[in-house]
């Protein structure tokens, strides 16, 4: 039989690697882009909440956010309720970059999916809810 965990891990890693090879965002490391995309998705977010979401230690996260800030991709604003804390938001340039990376990755997936026949596409569509459930289980197990 198939070693399902190892096969899934290998395929998912390959998909991720190939999707990361987009021109947009090539100046960022995969972790820097992931943090930028999370800030984009979460909206104004406290660094402590972002660290928990990303599973990064606060020092590492602060360094990454500093690099994103230097590149004008994110902005920090003080938390008026807690002077020691700050919110991070994606700047206009950051939003443009995330949009461009997502478009490039979606276009690459579209081209790859166009090579599949109808039966393969249906099987893949049927598997998506199961993959989503696995992703949620992994998230819960890693907390």
Protein backbone atom coordinates (compact mmCIF):
# COMPACT_ATOMS: atom_id res chain seq x y z
CA UNK A 1 0.00 0.00 0.00
CA UNK A 2 0.83 3.66 -0.23
CA UNK A 3 2.61 5.35 2.68
CA UNK A 4 -0.01 8.11 2.82
CA UNK A 5 1.67 10.48 5.33
CA UNK A 6 5.03 10.42 3.51
CA UNK A 7 3.45 10.66 0.07
CA UNK A 8 1.27 13.61 1.11
CA UNK A 9 4.18 15.40 2.77
CA UNK A 10 6.34 14.98 -0.33
CA UNK A 11 3.64 16.16 -2.76
CA UNK A 12 2.65 19.13 -0.59
CA UNK A 13 6.29 20.18 -0.21
CA UNK A 14 6.82 19.95 -4.00
CA UNK A 15 3.66 21.96 -4.70
CA UNK A 16 4.77 24.63 -2.24
CA UNK A 17 8.28 24.79 -3.70
CA UNK A 18 6.99 25.13 -7.26
CA UNK A 19 4.39 27.75 -6.31
CA UNK A 20 7.02 29.81 -4.45
CA UNK A 21 8.98 30.16 -7.71
CA UNK A 22 7.02 33.23 -8.75
CA UNK A 23 8.73 36.39 -9.96
CA UNK A 24 6.77 38.67 -7.64
CA UNK A 25 8.08 38.57 -4.11
CA UNK A 26 11.35 36.93 -5.14
CA UNK A 27 13.21 39.44 -2.95
CA UNK A 28 11.60 37.93 0.15
CA UNK A 29 12.40 34.64 1.86
CA UNK A 30 9.50 32.16 2.06
CA UNK A 31 9.10 32.98 5.77
CA UNK A 32 9.10 36.74 5.14
CA UNK A 33 6.44 36.33 2.46
CA UNK A 34 4.37 34.06 4.72
CA UNK A 35 4.45 36.68 7.49
CA UNK A 36 3.47 39.40 5.00
CA UNK A 37 0.57 37.26 3.70
CA UNK A 38 -0.60 36.60 7.28
CA UNK A 39 -0.55 40.32 8.12
CA UNK A 40 -2.52 40.91 4.90
CA UNK A 41 -5.08 38.22 5.89
CA UNK A 42 -5.41 39.19 9.56
CA UNK A 43 -5.57 42.95 9.05
CA UNK A 44 -4.16 45.16 11.77
CA UNK A 45 -2.63 42.56 14.09
CA UNK A 46 -0.59 42.70 17.29
CA UNK A 47 2.90 41.24 17.01
CA UNK A 48 2.12 38.82 19.87
CA UNK A 49 -0.96 37.50 18.03
CA UNK A 50 1.02 37.24 14.80
CA UNK A 51 3.81 35.31 16.57
CA UNK A 52 1.23 32.84 17.90
CA UNK A 53 -0.42 32.52 14.46
CA UNK A 54 2.90 31.91 12.69
CA UNK A 55 4.50 29.78 15.42
CA UNK A 56 7.54 32.07 15.47
CA UNK A 57 9.36 33.36 18.51
CA UNK A 58 8.80 37.09 19.11
CA UNK A 59 12.46 38.01 18.48
CA UNK A 60 12.51 36.29 15.09
CA UNK A 61 9.14 37.77 14.17
CA UNK A 62 10.27 41.25 15.18
CA UNK A 63 13.32 40.88 12.93
CA UNK A 64 11.16 39.75 9.98
CA UNK A 65 8.63 42.55 10.50
CA UNK A 66 11.55 45.01 10.69
CA UNK A 67 12.76 43.84 7.27
CA UNK A 68 9.24 44.10 5.83
CA UNK A 69 8.94 47.57 7.35
CA UNK A 70 12.30 48.64 5.85
CA UNK A 71 11.02 47.47 2.45
CA UNK A 72 7.87 49.62 2.96
CA UNK A 73 5.64 46.53 2.81
CA UNK A 74 4.19 46.90 6.34
CA UNK A 75 3.58 49.68 8.82
CA UNK A 76 3.58 49.60 12.62
CA UNK A 77 1.12 51.69 14.58
CA UNK A 78 1.14 51.97 18.36
CA UNK A 79 -1.67 50.33 20.31
CA UNK A 80 -3.31 53.25 22.11
CA UNK A 81 -4.72 50.86 24.74
CA UNK A 82 -1.26 49.41 25.49
CA UNK A 83 1.74 51.64 24.86
CA UNK A 84 4.13 48.68 24.88
CA UNK A 85 2.31 46.95 22.02
CA UNK A 86 1.98 47.79 18.35
CA UNK A 87 -0.25 46.78 15.48
CA UNK A 88 1.18 45.81 12.11
CA UNK A 89 -0.69 46.46 8.87
CA UNK A 90 0.21 45.86 5.22
CA UNK A 91 1.09 49.03 3.30
CA UNK A 92 -0.22 49.82 -0.19
CA UNK A 93 3.00 48.39 -1.69
CA UNK A 94 2.61 45.28 0.48
CA UNK A 95 -0.99 44.77 -0.69
CA UNK A 96 0.11 45.13 -4.30
CA UNK A 97 2.88 42.58 -3.80
CA UNK A 98 0.58 40.01 -2.12
CA UNK A 99 -2.00 40.48 -4.88
CA UNK A 100 0.65 40.02 -7.57
CA UNK A 101 2.13 36.88 -5.95
CA UNK A 102 -1.35 35.38 -5.53
CA UNK A 103 -2.21 36.14 -9.17
CA UNK A 104 1.02 34.54 -10.42
CA UNK A 105 0.49 31.44 -8.26
CA UNK A 106 -3.16 31.12 -9.30
CA UNK A 107 -2.18 31.49 -12.97
CA UNK A 108 0.49 28.77 -12.57
CA UNK A 109 -2.03 26.42 -10.92
CA UNK A 110 -4.61 27.19 -13.60
CA UNK A 111 -2.13 26.24 -16.34
CA UNK A 112 -1.23 23.01 -14.52
CA UNK A 113 -4.90 22.11 -13.89
CA UNK A 114 -5.72 22.75 -17.55
CA UNK A 115 -3.47 19.77 -18.38
CA UNK A 116 -5.72 17.42 -16.37
CA UNK A 117 -8.68 15.61 -17.85
CA UNK A 118 -12.21 15.97 -16.46
CA UNK A 119 -11.98 12.86 -14.26
CA UNK A 120 -8.70 14.02 -12.69
CA UNK A 121 -10.12 17.49 -12.06
CA UNK A 122 -13.22 16.01 -10.35
CA UNK A 123 -11.07 13.73 -8.16
CA UNK A 124 -8.98 16.71 -7.13
CA UNK A 125 -12.07 18.83 -6.40
CA UNK A 126 -13.55 15.98 -4.34
CA UNK A 127 -10.30 15.72 -2.32
CA UNK A 128 -10.17 19.44 -1.39
CA UNK A 129 -12.57 19.23 1.60
CA UNK A 130 -10.56 16.28 2.94
CA UNK A 131 -7.29 18.21 2.55
CA UNK A 132 -8.90 21.18 4.30
CA UNK A 133 -9.91 18.92 7.21
CA UNK A 134 -6.34 17.58 7.44
CA UNK A 135 -5.01 21.16 7.47
CA UNK A 136 -7.38 22.07 10.32
CA UNK A 137 -6.37 18.96 12.28
CA UNK A 138 -2.70 19.81 11.86
CA UNK A 139 -3.33 23.35 13.04
CA UNK A 140 -5.13 22.06 16.16
CA UNK A 141 -2.46 19.43 16.87
CA UNK A 142 0.35 22.00 16.60
CA UNK A 143 -1.15 24.44 19.11
